[in-house]
Each structure stands twice: as C-alpha cells, then as structure tokens.
Amino acid sequence: MNALAHLQDKPEAEEEVLVVDFDNLSVISGVVSNVGEWGCRLTSPDIQELSKNIGIRPKDSDKLVKCQITSRKDSDAAVLFVKSTEGFSHKRREKRNTDSIPVKISDKEENT
C-alpha cells in the first residue's frame, strides 16, 4: 500500500504534499483529497506546471508515490497511482545472445 493509504475512502480527508514532476524536474506544493485505491485529486494553484509523470510526497513520508496525471481543470488534477512492477528487469522477452565479431580499427590515414 502507498503512503496515502491512511486517507483512502475518506472523501473529506485532505493532506498537504510536495509534488515532483519527473518530466521537467519541477517541484510544487499541493493538497491531495478524495484518495481511493486507484488514485486521488491533486489541488494546487501551480497545477498547470506539471506534466504527466509525477511523484507525490506526503508530509510525514520519506518516499514518493509514483503517479500519472490523467486530466487537469483549473487548479485540480485527476491522478492515477502507478502500480510498481517488482522483479521486472528489462523489456526483452528473449534471452540475450553473446556474439563475437572480428573487427579492424584504423584511423583516417589508415594507420593500424
């Protein structure tokens, strides 16, 4: 569960947070509310400065909650919590093969 779980399913509960934008590396202050299993509402006068991929840091936490903004209107944004993919090492489906290719390196003057 994420660091905002204590607000889940309490529609009137609000908490001040710091928001880090992973795309443009900006930081703003905001308030989260309407926290559910899948996301929350984020409110800030600076909401339009944020891109899609963000991290929300609750005031008493040392970790970010990874999120994506799905829509914005005025000073509010709808936020979706990004589920972590533990054990995910890389995107390849196939095993990497080791290859050995002989090469000859030379400079423009053809000195080897």
PDB file of N, CA and C in Angstrom:
ATOM      1  N   MET A   1       0.840  -1.185   0.000  1.00  0.00           N
ATOM      2  CA  MET A   1       0.000   0.000   0.000  1.00  0.00           C
ATOM      3  C   MET A   1       0.880   1.241   0.000  1.00  0.00           C
ATOM      4  N   ASN A   2       0.407   2.325  -0.584  1.00  0.00           N
ATOM      5  CA  ASN A   2       1.224   3.529  -0.666  1.00  0.00           C
ATOM      6  C   ASN A   2       1.074   4.409   0.568  1.00  0.00           C
ATOM      7  N   ALA A   3       1.877   5.455   0.610  1.00  0.00           N
ATOM      8  CA  ALA A   3       1.938   6.344   1.778  1.00  0.00           C
ATOM      9  C   ALA A   3       0.684   7.205   1.954  1.00  0.00           C
ATOM     10  N   LEU A   4      -0.252   7.135   1.025  1.00  0.00           N
ATOM     11  CA  LEU A   4      -1.507   7.889   1.137  1.00  0.00           C
ATOM     12  C   LEU A   4      -2.669   7.002   1.579  1.00  0.00           C
ATOM     13  N   ALA A   5      -2.381   5.752   1.922  1.00  0.00           N
ATOM     14  CA  ALA A   5      -3.432   4.788   2.259  1.00  0.00           C
ATOM     15  C   ALA A   5      -4.286   5.229   3.451  1.00  0.00           C
ATOM     16  N   HIS A   6      -3.698   5.977   4.378  1.00  0.00           N
ATOM     17  CA  HIS A   6      -4.472   6.421   5.547  1.00  0.00           C
ATOM     18  C   HIS A   6      -5.595   7.392   5.183  1.00  0.00           C
ATOM     19  N   LEU A   7      -5.573   7.937   3.971  1.00  0.00           N
ATOM     20  CA  LEU A   7      -6.633   8.848   3.513  1.00  0.00           C
ATOM     21  C   LEU A   7      -7.682   8.145   2.660  1.00  0.00           C
ATOM     22  N   GLN A   8      -7.411   6.878   2.337  1.00  0.00           N
ATOM     23  CA  GLN A   8      -8.269   6.157   1.404  1.00  0.00           C
ATOM     24  C   GLN A   8      -9.695   6.016   1.928  1.00  0.00           C
ATOM     25  N   ASP A   9     -10.639   6.228   1.021  1.00  0.00           N
ATOM     26  CA  ASP A   9     -12.071   6.096   1.288  1.00  0.00           C
ATOM     27  C   ASP A   9     -12.579   7.035   2.378  1.00  0.00           C
ATOM     28  N   LYS A  10     -11.914   8.177   2.534  1.00  0.00           N
ATOM     29  CA  LYS A  10     -12.374   9.239   3.433  1.00  0.00           C
ATOM     30  C   LYS A  10     -12.511  10.499   2.567  1.00  0.00           C
ATOM     31  N   PRO A  11     -13.665  10.677   1.919  1.00  0.00           N
ATOM     32  CA  PRO A  11     -13.827  11.739   0.917  1.00  0.00           C
ATOM     33  C   PRO A  11     -13.481  13.145   1.399  1.00  0.00           C
ATOM     34  N   GLU A  12     -13.692  13.448   2.673  1.00  0.00           N
ATOM     35  CA  GLU A  12     -13.406  14.801   3.163  1.00  0.00           C
ATOM     36  C   GLU A  12     -11.976  14.962   3.679  1.00  0.00           C
ATOM     37  N   ALA A  13     -11.184  13.883   3.729  1.00  0.00           N
ATOM     38  CA  ALA A  13      -9.805  13.957   4.229  1.00  0.00           C
ATOM     39  C   ALA A  13      -8.892  14.609   3.195  1.00  0.00           C
ATOM     40  N   GLU A  14      -8.027  15.501   3.671  1.00  0.00           N
ATOM     41  CA  GLU A  14      -7.061  16.211   2.821  1.00  0.00           C
ATOM     42  C   GLU A  14      -5.704  16.184   3.492  1.00  0.00           C
ATOM     43  N   GLU A  15      -4.637  16.292   2.681  1.00  0.00           N
ATOM     44  CA  GLU A  15      -3.288  16.360   3.243  1.00  0.00           C
ATOM     45  C   GLU A  15      -2.383  17.161   2.308  1.00  0.00           C
ATOM     46  N   GLU A  16      -1.568  18.034   2.905  1.00  0.00           N
ATOM     47  CA  GLU A  16      -0.592  18.788   2.122  1.00  0.00           C
ATOM     48  C   GLU A  16       0.535  17.861   1.688  1.00  0.00           C
ATOM     49  N   VAL A  17       1.002  18.054   0.454  1.00  0.00           N
ATOM     50  CA  VAL A  17       2.048  17.211  -0.117  1.00  0.00           C
ATOM     51  C   VAL A  17       3.005  18.054  -0.954  1.00  0.00           C
ATOM     52  N   LEU A  18       4.154  17.488  -1.233  1.00  0.00           N
ATOM     53  CA  LEU A  18       5.058  18.029  -2.246  1.00  0.00           C
ATOM     54  C   LEU A  18       4.913  17.162  -3.479  1.00  0.00           C
ATOM     55  N   VAL A  19       4.968  17.780  -4.649  1.00  0.00           N
ATOM     56  CA  VAL A  19       4.813  17.049  -5.895  1.00  0.00           C
ATOM     57  C   VAL A  19       6.052  17.284  -6.751  1.00  0.00           C
ATOM     58  N   VAL A  20       6.676  16.186  -7.180  1.00  0.00           N
ATOM     59  CA  VAL A  20       7.857  16.256  -8.039  1.00  0.00           C
ATOM     60  C   VAL A  20       7.443  15.832  -9.436  1.00  0.00           C
ATOM     61  N   ASP A  21       7.744  16.675 -10.417  1.00  0.00           N
ATOM     62  CA  ASP A  21       7.460  16.351 -11.808  1.00  0.00           C
ATOM     63  C   ASP A  21       8.693  15.661 -12.388  1.00  0.00           C
ATOM     64  N   PHE A  22       8.554  14.392 -12.766  1.00  0.00           N
ATOM     65  CA  PHE A  22       9.691  13.635 -13.293  1.00  0.00           C
ATOM     66  C   PHE A  22      10.074  14.061 -14.703  1.00  0.00           C
ATOM     67  N   ASP A  23       9.147  14.668 -15.443  1.00  0.00           N
ATOM     68  CA  ASP A  23       9.425  15.066 -16.820  1.00  0.00           C
ATOM     69  C   ASP A  23      10.205  16.375 -16.915  1.00  0.00           C
ATOM     70  N   ASN A  24       9.822  17.381 -16.117  1.00  0.00           N
ATOM     71  CA  ASN A  24      10.527  18.668 -16.206  1.00  0.00           C
ATOM     72  C   ASN A  24      11.277  19.029 -14.926  1.00  0.00           C
ATOM     73  N   LEU A  25      11.304  18.102 -13.956  1.00  0.00           N
ATOM     74  CA  LEU A  25      12.064  18.242 -12.708  1.00  0.00           C
ATOM     75  C   LEU A  25      11.691  19.471 -11.889  1.00  0.00           C
ATOM     76  N   SER A  26      10.413  19.831 -11.912  1.00  0.00           N
ATOM     77  CA  SER A  26       9.935  20.919 -11.061  1.00  0.00           C
ATOM     78  C   SER A  26       9.278  20.335  -9.816  1.00  0.00           C
ATOM     79  N   VAL A  27       9.160  21.174  -8.789  1.00  0.00           N
ATOM     80  CA  VAL A  27       8.537  20.769  -7.531  1.00  0.00           C
ATOM     81  C   VAL A  27       7.510  21.828  -7.146  1.00  0.00           C
ATOM     82  N   ILE A  28       6.305  21.376  -6.783  1.00  0.00           N
ATOM     83  CA  ILE A  28       5.264  22.288  -6.329  1.00  0.00           C
ATOM     84  C   ILE A  28       4.646  21.750  -5.045  1.00  0.00           C
ATOM     85  N   SER A  29       3.940  22.599  -4.321  1.00  0.00           N
ATOM     86  CA  SER A  29       3.157  22.187  -3.158  1.00  0.00           C
ATOM     87  C   SER A  29       1.728  21.974  -3.605  1.00  0.00           C
ATOM     88  N   GLY A  30       1.044  21.051  -2.954  1.00  0.00           N
ATOM     89  CA  GLY A  30      -0.341  20.786  -3.290  1.00  0.00           C
ATOM     90  C   GLY A  30      -1.075  20.139  -2.152  1.00  0.00           C
ATOM     91  N   VAL A  31      -2.335  19.800  -2.401  1.00  0.00           N
ATOM     92  CA  VAL A  31      -3.183  19.121  -1.430  1.00  0.00           C
ATOM     93  C   VAL A  31      -3.826  17.935  -2.137  1.00  0.00           C
ATOM     94  N   VAL A  32      -3.715  16.741  -1.528  1.00  0.00           N
ATOM     95  CA  VAL A  32      -4.414  15.578  -2.069  1.00  0.00           C
ATOM     96  C   VAL A  32      -5.706  15.374  -1.295  1.00  0.00           C
ATOM     97  N   SER A  33      -6.721  14.901  -2.010  1.00  0.00           N
ATOM     98  CA  SER A  33      -8.018  14.601  -1.406  1.00  0.00           C
ATOM     99  C   SER A  33      -8.681  13.524  -2.241  1.00  0.00           C
ATOM    100  N   ASN A  34      -9.824  13.051  -1.766  1.00  0.00           N
ATOM    101  CA  ASN A  34     -10.592  12.042  -2.487  1.00  0.00           C
ATOM    102  C   ASN A  34      -9.708  10.853  -2.883  1.00  0.00           C
ATOM    103  N   VAL A  35      -8.916  10.366  -1.931  1.00  0.00           N
ATOM    104  CA  VAL A  35      -7.983   9.269  -2.191  1.00  0.00           C
ATOM    105  C   VAL A  35      -8.741   7.948  -2.233  1.00  0.00           C
ATOM    106  N   GLY A  36      -8.513   7.197  -3.297  1.00  0.00           N
ATOM    107  CA  GLY A  36      -9.108   5.877  -3.452  1.00  0.00           C
ATOM    108  C   GLY A  36      -8.027   4.857  -3.751  1.00  0.00           C
ATOM    109  N   GLU A  37      -8.435   3.668  -4.088  1.00  0.00           N
ATOM    110  CA  GLU A  37      -7.488   2.590  -4.379  1.00  0.00           C
ATOM    111  C   GLU A  37      -6.650   2.893  -5.616  1.00  0.00           C
ATOM    112  N   TRP A  38      -7.248   3.571  -6.596  1.00  0.00           N
ATOM    113  CA  TRP A  38      -6.583   3.771  -7.884  1.00  0.00           C
ATOM    114  C   TRP A  38      -5.980   5.145  -8.071  1.00  0.00           C
ATOM    115  N   GLY A  39      -6.366   6.134  -7.233  1.00  0.00           N
ATOM    116  CA  GLY A  39      -5.849   7.468  -7.446  1.00  0.00           C
ATOM    117  C   GLY A  39      -6.423   8.478  -6.475  1.00  0.00           C
ATOM    118  N   CYS A  40      -6.277   9.761  -6.842  1.00  0.00           N
ATOM    119  CA  CYS A  40      -6.733  10.835  -5.960  1.00  0.00           C
ATOM    120  C   CYS A  40      -6.909  12.122  -6.761  1.00  0.00           C
ATOM    121  N   ARG A  41      -7.354  13.165  -6.064  1.00  0.00           N
ATOM    122  CA  ARG A  41      -7.421  14.514  -6.635  1.00  0.00           C
ATOM    123  C   ARG A  41      -6.235  15.289  -6.068  1.00  0.00           C
ATOM    124  N   LEU A  42      -5.576  16.034  -6.930  1.00  0.00           N
ATOM    125  CA  LEU A  42      -4.468  16.887  -6.525  1.00  0.00           C
ATOM    126  C   LEU A  42      -4.859  18.322  -6.833  1.00  0.00           C
ATOM    127  N   THR A  43      -4.742  19.206  -5.838  1.00  0.00           N
ATOM    128  CA  THR A  43      -5.120  20.607  -5.992  1.00  0.00           C
ATOM    129  C   THR A  43      -3.922  21.491  -5.692  1.00  0.00           C
ATOM    130  N   SER A  44      -3.670  22.451  -6.595  1.00  0.00           N
ATOM    131  CA  SER A  44      -2.596  23.425  -6.413  1.00  0.00           C
ATOM    132  C   SER A  44      -2.803  24.569  -7.394  1.00  0.00           C
ATOM    133  N   PRO A  45      -2.463  25.801  -6.995  1.00  0.00           N
ATOM    134  CA  PRO A  45      -2.542  26.905  -7.956  1.00  0.00           C
ATOM    135  C   PRO A  45      -1.514  26.749  -9.085  1.00  0.00           C
ATOM    136  N   ASP A  46      -0.512  25.887  -8.876  1.00  0.00           N
ATOM    137  CA  ASP A  46       0.542  25.669  -9.869  1.00  0.00           C
ATOM    138  C   ASP A  46       0.354  24.371 -10.655  1.00  0.00           C
ATOM    139  N   ILE A  47      -0.834  23.815 -10.655  1.00  0.00           N
ATOM    140  CA  ILE A  47      -1.082  22.507 -11.261  1.00  0.00           C
ATOM    141  C   ILE A  47      -0.743  22.469 -12.754  1.00  0.00           C
ATOM    142  N   GLN A  48      -0.896  23.590 -13.446  1.00  0.00           N
ATOM    143  CA  GLN A  48      -0.634  23.620 -14.884  1.00  0.00           C
ATOM    144  C   GLN A  48       0.856  23.485 -15.226  1.00  0.00           C
ATOM    145  N   GLU A  49       1.740  23.639 -14.230  1.00  0.00           N
ATOM    146  CA  GLU A  49       3.175  23.468 -14.448  1.00  0.00           C
ATOM    147  C   GLU A  49       3.588  22.008 -14.562  1.00  0.00           C
ATOM    148  N   LEU A  50       2.708  21.104 -14.140  1.00  0.00           N
ATOM    149  CA  LEU A  50       3.053  19.686 -14.107  1.00  0.00           C
ATOM    150  C   LEU A  50       2.802  18.995 -15.437  1.00  0.00           C
ATOM    151  N   SER A  51       3.676  18.045 -15.752  1.00  0.00           N
ATOM    152  CA  SER A  51       3.490  17.172 -16.909  1.00  0.00           C
ATOM    153  C   SER A  51       2.760  15.913 -16.455  1.00  0.00           C
ATOM    154  N   LYS A  52       2.919  14.820 -17.167  1.00  0.00           N
ATOM    155  CA  LYS A  52       2.161  13.605 -16.890  1.00  0.00           C
ATOM    156  C   LYS A  52       2.709  12.776 -15.721  1.00  0.00           C
ATOM    157  N   ASN A  53       4.012  12.574 -15.669  1.00  0.00           N
ATOM    158  CA  ASN A  53       4.621  11.662 -14.689  1.00  0.00           C
ATOM    159  C   ASN A  53       5.101  12.416 -13.462  1.00  0.00           C
ATOM    160  N   ILE A  54       4.511  12.087 -12.306  1.00  0.00           N
ATOM    161  CA  ILE A  54       4.827  12.815 -11.081  1.00  0.00           C
ATOM    162  C   ILE A  54       5.059  11.854  -9.916  1.00  0.00           C
ATOM    163  N   GLY A  55       5.632  12.390  -8.861  1.00  0.00           N
ATOM    164  CA  GLY A  55       5.751  11.690  -7.598  1.00  0.00           C
ATOM    165  C   GLY A  55       5.153  12.576  -6.515  1.00  0.00           C
ATOM    166  N   ILE A  56       4.331  12.001  -5.654  1.00  0.00           N
ATOM    167  CA  ILE A  56       3.708  12.742  -4.566  1.00  0.00           C
ATOM    168  C   ILE A  56       4.370  12.319  -3.263  1.00  0.00           C
ATOM    169  N   ARG A  57       4.825  13.300  -2.486  1.00  0.00           N
ATOM    170  CA  ARG A  57       5.468  13.027  -1.196  1.00  0.00           C
ATOM    171  C   ARG A  57       4.600  13.567  -0.067  1.00  0.00           C
ATOM    172  N   PRO A  58       3.943  12.674   0.674  1.00  0.00           N
ATOM    173  CA  PRO A  58       3.182  13.108   1.849  1.00  0.00           C
ATOM    174  C   PRO A  58       4.114  13.730   2.885  1.00  0.00           C
ATOM    175  N   LYS A  59       3.587  14.596   3.736  1.00  0.00           N
ATOM    176  CA  LYS A  59       4.427  15.366   4.663  1.00  0.00           C
ATOM    177  C   LYS A  59       5.219  14.515   5.641  1.00  0.00           C
ATOM    178  N   ASP A  60       4.700  13.374   6.074  1.00  0.00           N
ATOM    179  CA  ASP A  60       5.400  12.545   7.051  1.00  0.00           C
ATOM    180  C   ASP A  60       6.068  11.327   6.414  1.00  0.00           C
ATOM    181  N   SER A  61       6.357  11.383   5.137  1.00  0.00           N
ATOM    182  CA  SER A  61       6.952  10.240   4.451  1.00  0.00           C
ATOM    183  C   SER A  61       8.286  10.630   3.826  1.00  0.00           C
ATOM    184  N   ASP A  62       9.184   9.662   3.721  1.00  0.00           N
ATOM    185  CA  ASP A  62      10.454   9.924   3.056  1.00  0.00           C
ATOM    186  C   ASP A  62      10.480   9.305   1.661  1.00  0.00           C
ATOM    187  N   LYS A  63       9.334   8.803   1.191  1.00  0.00           N
ATOM    188  CA  LYS A  63       9.239   8.185  -0.128  1.00  0.00           C
ATOM    189  C   LYS A  63       8.171   8.870  -0.966  1.00  0.00           C
ATOM    190  N   LEU A  64       8.353   8.776  -2.286  1.00  0.00           N
ATOM    191  CA  LEU A  64       7.384   9.317  -3.225  1.00  0.00           C
ATOM    192  C   LEU A  64       6.399   8.233  -3.638  1.00  0.00           C
ATOM    193  N   VAL A  65       5.177   8.639  -3.918  1.00  0.00           N
ATOM    194  CA  VAL A  65       4.176   7.756  -4.503  1.00  0.00           C
ATOM    195  C   VAL A  65       4.177   8.067  -5.994  1.00  0.00           C
ATOM    196  N   LYS A  66       4.508   7.073  -6.818  1.00  0.00           N
ATOM    197  CA  LYS A  66       4.597   7.265  -8.269  1.00  0.00           C
ATOM    198  C   LYS A  66       3.191   7.368  -8.859  1.00  0.00           C
ATOM    199  N   CYS A  67       2.957   8.426  -9.644  1.00  0.00           N
ATOM    200  CA  CYS A  67       1.618   8.703 -10.171  1.00  0.00           C
ATOM    201  C   CYS A  67       1.684   9.234 -11.595  1.00  0.00           C
ATOM    202  N   GLN A  68       0.520   9.273 -12.231  1.00  0.00           N
ATOM    203  CA  GLN A  68       0.367   9.922 -13.530  1.00  0.00           C
ATOM    204  C   GLN A  68      -0.873  10.804 -13.485  1.00  0.00           C
ATOM    205  N   ILE A  69      -0.734  11.992 -14.054  1.00  0.00           N
ATOM    206  CA  ILE A  69      -1.876  12.898 -14.171  1.00  0.00           C
ATOM    207  C   ILE A  69      -2.675  12.478 -15.392  1.00  0.00           C
ATOM    208  N   THR A  70      -3.977  12.271 -15.193  1.00  0.00           N
ATOM    209  CA  THR A  70      -4.828  11.852 -16.305  1.00  0.00           C
ATOM    210  C   THR A  70      -5.647  13.003 -16.887  1.00  0.00           C
ATOM    211  N   SER A  71      -5.907  14.043 -16.069  1.00  0.00           N
ATOM    212  CA  SER A  71      -6.621  15.222 -16.579  1.00  0.00           C
ATOM    213  C   SER A  71      -6.407  16.394 -15.627  1.00  0.00           C
ATOM    214  N   ARG A  72      -6.599  17.615 -16.171  1.00  0.00           N
ATOM    215  CA  ARG A  72      -6.462  18.848 -15.385  1.00  0.00           C
ATOM    216  C   ARG A  72      -7.620  19.779 -15.699  1.00  0.00           C
ATOM    217  N   LYS A  73      -8.066  20.499 -14.674  1.00  0.00           N
ATOM    218  CA  LYS A  73      -9.060  21.558 -14.880  1.00  0.00           C
ATOM    219  C   LYS A  73      -8.830  22.593 -13.801  1.00  0.00           C
ATOM    220  N   ASP A  74      -8.569  23.818 -14.218  1.00  0.00           N
ATOM    221  CA  ASP A  74      -8.285  24.924 -13.312  1.00  0.00           C
ATOM    222  C   ASP A  74      -7.130  24.553 -12.381  1.00  0.00           C
ATOM    223  N   SER A  75      -7.382  24.459 -11.076  1.00  0.00           N
ATOM    224  CA  SER A  75      -6.303  24.148 -10.130  1.00  0.00           C
ATOM    225  C   SER A  75      -6.361  22.703  -9.632  1.00  0.00           C
ATOM    226  N   ASP A  76      -7.172  21.857 -10.282  1.00  0.00           N
ATOM    227  CA  ASP A  76      -7.310  20.455  -9.885  1.00  0.00           C
ATOM    228  C   ASP A  76      -6.775  19.517 -10.961  1.00  0.00           C
ATOM    229  N   ALA A  77      -6.272  18.358 -10.516  1.00  0.00           N
ATOM    230  CA  ALA A  77      -5.832  17.311 -11.437  1.00  0.00           C
ATOM    231  C   ALA A  77      -6.326  15.968 -10.930  1.00  0.00           C
ATOM    232  N   ALA A  78      -6.717  15.100 -11.854  1.00  0.00           N
ATOM    233  CA  ALA A  78      -7.035  13.718 -11.523  1.00  0.00           C
ATOM    234  C   ALA A  78      -5.746  12.923 -11.643  1.00  0.00           C
ATOM    235  N   VAL A  79      -5.439  12.147 -10.611  1.00  0.00           N
ATOM    236  CA  VAL A  79      -4.163  11.440 -10.526  1.00  0.00           C
ATOM    237  C   VAL A  79      -4.414   9.945 -10.384  1.00  0.00           C
ATOM    238  N   LEU A  80      -3.668   9.164 -11.146  1.00  0.00           N
ATOM    239  CA  LEU A  80      -3.732   7.710 -11.104  1.00  0.00           C
ATOM    240  C   LEU A  80      -2.456   7.182 -10.466  1.00  0.00           C
ATOM    241  N   PHE A  81      -2.578   6.293  -9.464  1.00  0.00           N
ATOM    242  CA  PHE A  81      -1.400   5.675  -8.856  1.00  0.00           C
ATOM    243  C   PHE A  81      -0.830   4.655  -9.827  1.00  0.00           C
ATOM    244  N   VAL A  82       0.491   4.667 -10.018  1.00  0.00           N
ATOM    245  CA  VAL A  82       1.162   3.725 -10.907  1.00  0.00           C
ATOM    246  C   VAL A  82       1.578   2.521 -10.079  1.00  0.00           C
ATOM    247  N   LYS A  83       1.134   1.359 -10.486  1.00  0.00           N
ATOM    248  CA  LYS A  83       1.487   0.134  -9.776  1.00  0.00           C
ATOM    249  C   LYS A  83       2.924  -0.231 -10.109  1.00  0.00           C
ATOM    250  N   SER A  84       3.709  -0.592  -9.093  1.00  0.00           N
ATOM    251  CA  SER A  84       5.099  -0.980  -9.328  1.00  0.00           C
ATOM    252  C   SER A  84       5.144  -2.383  -9.912  1.00  0.00           C
ATOM    253  N   THR A  85       6.174  -2.631 -10.683  1.00  0.00           N
ATOM    254  CA  THR A  85       6.378  -3.939 -11.291  1.00  0.00           C
ATOM    255  C   THR A  85       7.624  -4.550 -10.676  1.00  0.00           C
ATOM    256  N   GLU A  86       7.459  -5.153  -9.502  1.00  0.00           N
ATOM    257  CA  GLU A  86       8.593  -5.747  -8.807  1.00  0.00           C
ATOM    258  C   GLU A  86       9.122  -6.933  -9.601  1.00  0.00           C
ATOM    259  N   GLY A  87      10.436  -7.080  -9.585  1.00  0.00           N
ATOM    260  CA  GLY A  87      11.057  -8.189 -10.278  1.00  0.00           C
ATOM    261  C   GLY A  87      11.214  -7.969 -11.771  1.00  0.00           C
ATOM    262  N   PHE A  88      10.829  -6.831 -12.262  1.00  0.00           N
ATOM    263  CA  PHE A  88      10.937  -6.528 -13.680  1.00  0.00           C
ATOM    264  C   PHE A  88      12.341  -6.052 -13.977  1.00  0.00           C
ATOM    265  N   SER A  89      13.077  -6.798 -14.819  1.00  0.00           N
ATOM    266  CA  SER A  89      14.470  -6.445 -15.061  1.00  0.00           C
ATOM    267  C   SER A  89      14.670  -5.677 -16.364  1.00  0.00           C
ATOM    268  N   HIS A  90      14.018  -6.087 -17.431  1.00  0.00           N
ATOM    269  CA  HIS A  90      14.136  -5.375 -18.698  1.00  0.00           C
ATOM    270  C   HIS A  90      12.980  -5.769 -19.613  1.00  0.00           C
ATOM    271  N   LYS A  91      12.865  -5.100 -20.747  1.00  0.00           N
ATOM    272  CA  LYS A  91      11.719  -5.296 -21.627  1.00  0.00           C
ATOM    273  C   LYS A  91      11.874  -6.462 -22.601  1.00  0.00           C
ATOM    274  N   ARG A  92      13.078  -7.029 -22.730  1.00  0.00           N
ATOM    275  CA  ARG A  92      13.281  -8.127 -23.675  1.00  0.00           C
ATOM    276  C   ARG A  92      12.553  -9.390 -23.236  1.00  0.00           C
ATOM    277  N   ARG A  93      11.943 -10.053 -24.186  1.00  0.00           N
ATOM    278  CA  ARG A  93      11.312 -11.340 -23.905  1.00  0.00           C
ATOM    279  C   ARG A  93      12.303 -12.480 -24.106  1.00  0.00           C
ATOM    280  N   GLU A  94      13.199 -12.316 -25.086  1.00  0.00           N
ATOM    281  CA  GLU A  94      14.164 -13.357 -25.396  1.00  0.00           C
ATOM    282  C   GLU A  94      15.457 -13.151 -24.630  1.00  0.00           C
ATOM    283  N   LYS A  95      16.169 -14.239 -24.415  1.00  0.00           N
ATOM    284  CA  LYS A  95      17.462 -14.188 -23.759  1.00  0.00           C
ATOM    285  C   LYS A  95      18.472 -13.530 -24.700  1.00  0.00           C
ATOM    286  N   ARG A  96      19.362 -12.729 -24.160  1.00  0.00           N
ATOM    287  CA  ARG A  96      20.419 -12.115 -24.959  1.00  0.00           C
ATOM    288  C   ARG A  96      21.452 -13.168 -25.341  1.00  0.00           C
ATOM    289  N   ASN A  97      21.927 -13.087 -26.571  1.00  0.00           N
ATOM    290  CA  ASN A  97      22.971 -13.990 -27.051  1.00  0.00           C
ATOM    291  C   ASN A  97      24.309 -13.268 -27.036  1.00  0.00           C
ATOM    292  N   THR A  98      25.359 -13.977 -26.689  1.00  0.00           N
ATOM    293  CA  THR A  98      26.695 -13.392 -26.760  1.00  0.00           C
ATOM    294  C   THR A  98      27.237 -13.623 -28.161  1.00  0.00           C
ATOM    295  N   ASP A  99      27.813 -12.581 -28.722  1.00  0.00           N
ATOM    296  CA  ASP A  99      28.382 -12.648 -30.069  1.00  0.00           C
ATOM    297  C   ASP A  99      29.833 -12.219 -30.025  1.00  0.00           C
ATOM    298  N   SER A 100      30.590 -12.725 -30.978  1.00  0.00           N
ATOM    299  CA  SER A 100      31.978 -12.335 -31.137  1.00  0.00           C
ATOM    300  C   SER A 100      32.185 -11.995 -32.603  1.00  0.00           C
ATOM    301  N   ILE A 101      32.466 -10.741 -32.879  1.00  0.00           N
ATOM    302  CA  ILE A 101      32.632 -10.278 -34.254  1.00  0.00           C
ATOM    303  C   ILE A 101      34.035  -9.689 -34.403  1.00  0.00           C
ATOM    304  N   PRO A 102      34.862 -10.250 -35.307  1.00  0.00           N
ATOM    305  CA  PRO A 102      36.203  -9.683 -35.502  1.00  0.00           C
ATOM    306  C   PRO A 102      36.111  -8.332 -36.222  1.00  0.00           C
ATOM    307  N   VAL A 103      36.892  -7.367 -35.744  1.00  0.00           N
ATOM    308  CA  VAL A 103      36.898  -6.038 -36.360  1.00  0.00           C
ATOM    309  C   VAL A 103      38.331  -5.561 -36.535  1.00  0.00           C
ATOM    310  N   LYS A 104      38.521  -4.628 -37.474  1.00  0.00           N
ATOM    311  CA  LYS A 104      39.808  -3.979 -37.672  1.00  0.00           C
ATOM    312  C   LYS A 104      39.558  -2.478 -37.513  1.00  0.00           C
ATOM    313  N   ILE A 105      40.318  -1.856 -36.628  1.00  0.00           N
ATOM    314  CA  ILE A 105      40.166  -0.425 -36.355  1.00  0.00           C
ATOM    315  C   ILE A 105      41.337   0.314 -36.975  1.00  0.00           C
ATOM    316  N   SER A 106      41.018   1.391 -37.694  1.00  0.00           N
ATOM    317  CA  SER A 106      42.064   2.218 -38.279  1.00  0.00           C
ATOM    318  C   SER A 106      41.639   3.670 -38.259  1.00  0.00           C
ATOM    319  N   ASP A 107      42.618   4.584 -38.399  1.00  0.00           N
ATOM    320  CA  ASP A 107      42.252   5.992 -38.445  1.00  0.00           C
ATOM    321  C   ASP A 107      42.127   6.435 -39.896  1.00  0.00           C
ATOM    322  N   LYS A 108      41.813   7.703 -40.127  1.00  0.00           N
ATOM    323  CA  LYS A 108      41.586   8.206 -41.478  1.00  0.00           C
ATOM    324  C   LYS A 108      42.820   8.094 -42.363  1.00  0.00           C
ATOM    325  N   GLU A 109      43.987   8.067 -41.769  1.00  0.00           N
ATOM    326  CA  GLU A 109      45.225   7.944 -42.526  1.00  0.00           C
ATOM    327  C   GLU A 109      45.600   6.484 -42.716  1.00  0.00           C
ATOM    328  N   GLU A 110      44.738   5.577 -42.328  1.00  0.00           N
ATOM    329  CA  GLU A 110      44.882   4.148 -42.464  1.00  0.00           C
ATOM    330  C   GLU A 110      46.087   3.577 -41.731  1.00  0.00           C
ATOM    331  N   ASN A 111      46.439   4.184 -40.605  1.00  0.00           N
ATOM    332  CA  ASN A 111      47.474   3.609 -39.738  1.00  0.00           C
ATOM    333  C   ASN A 111      46.799   2.640 -38.809  1.00  0.00           C
ATOM    334  N   THR A 112      47.359   1.446 -38.656  1.00  0.00           N
ATOM    335  CA  THR A 112      46.728   0.457 -37.786  1.00  0.00           C
ATOM    336  C   THR A 112      47.497   0.278 -36.502  1.00  0.00           C
TER     337      THR A 112
END
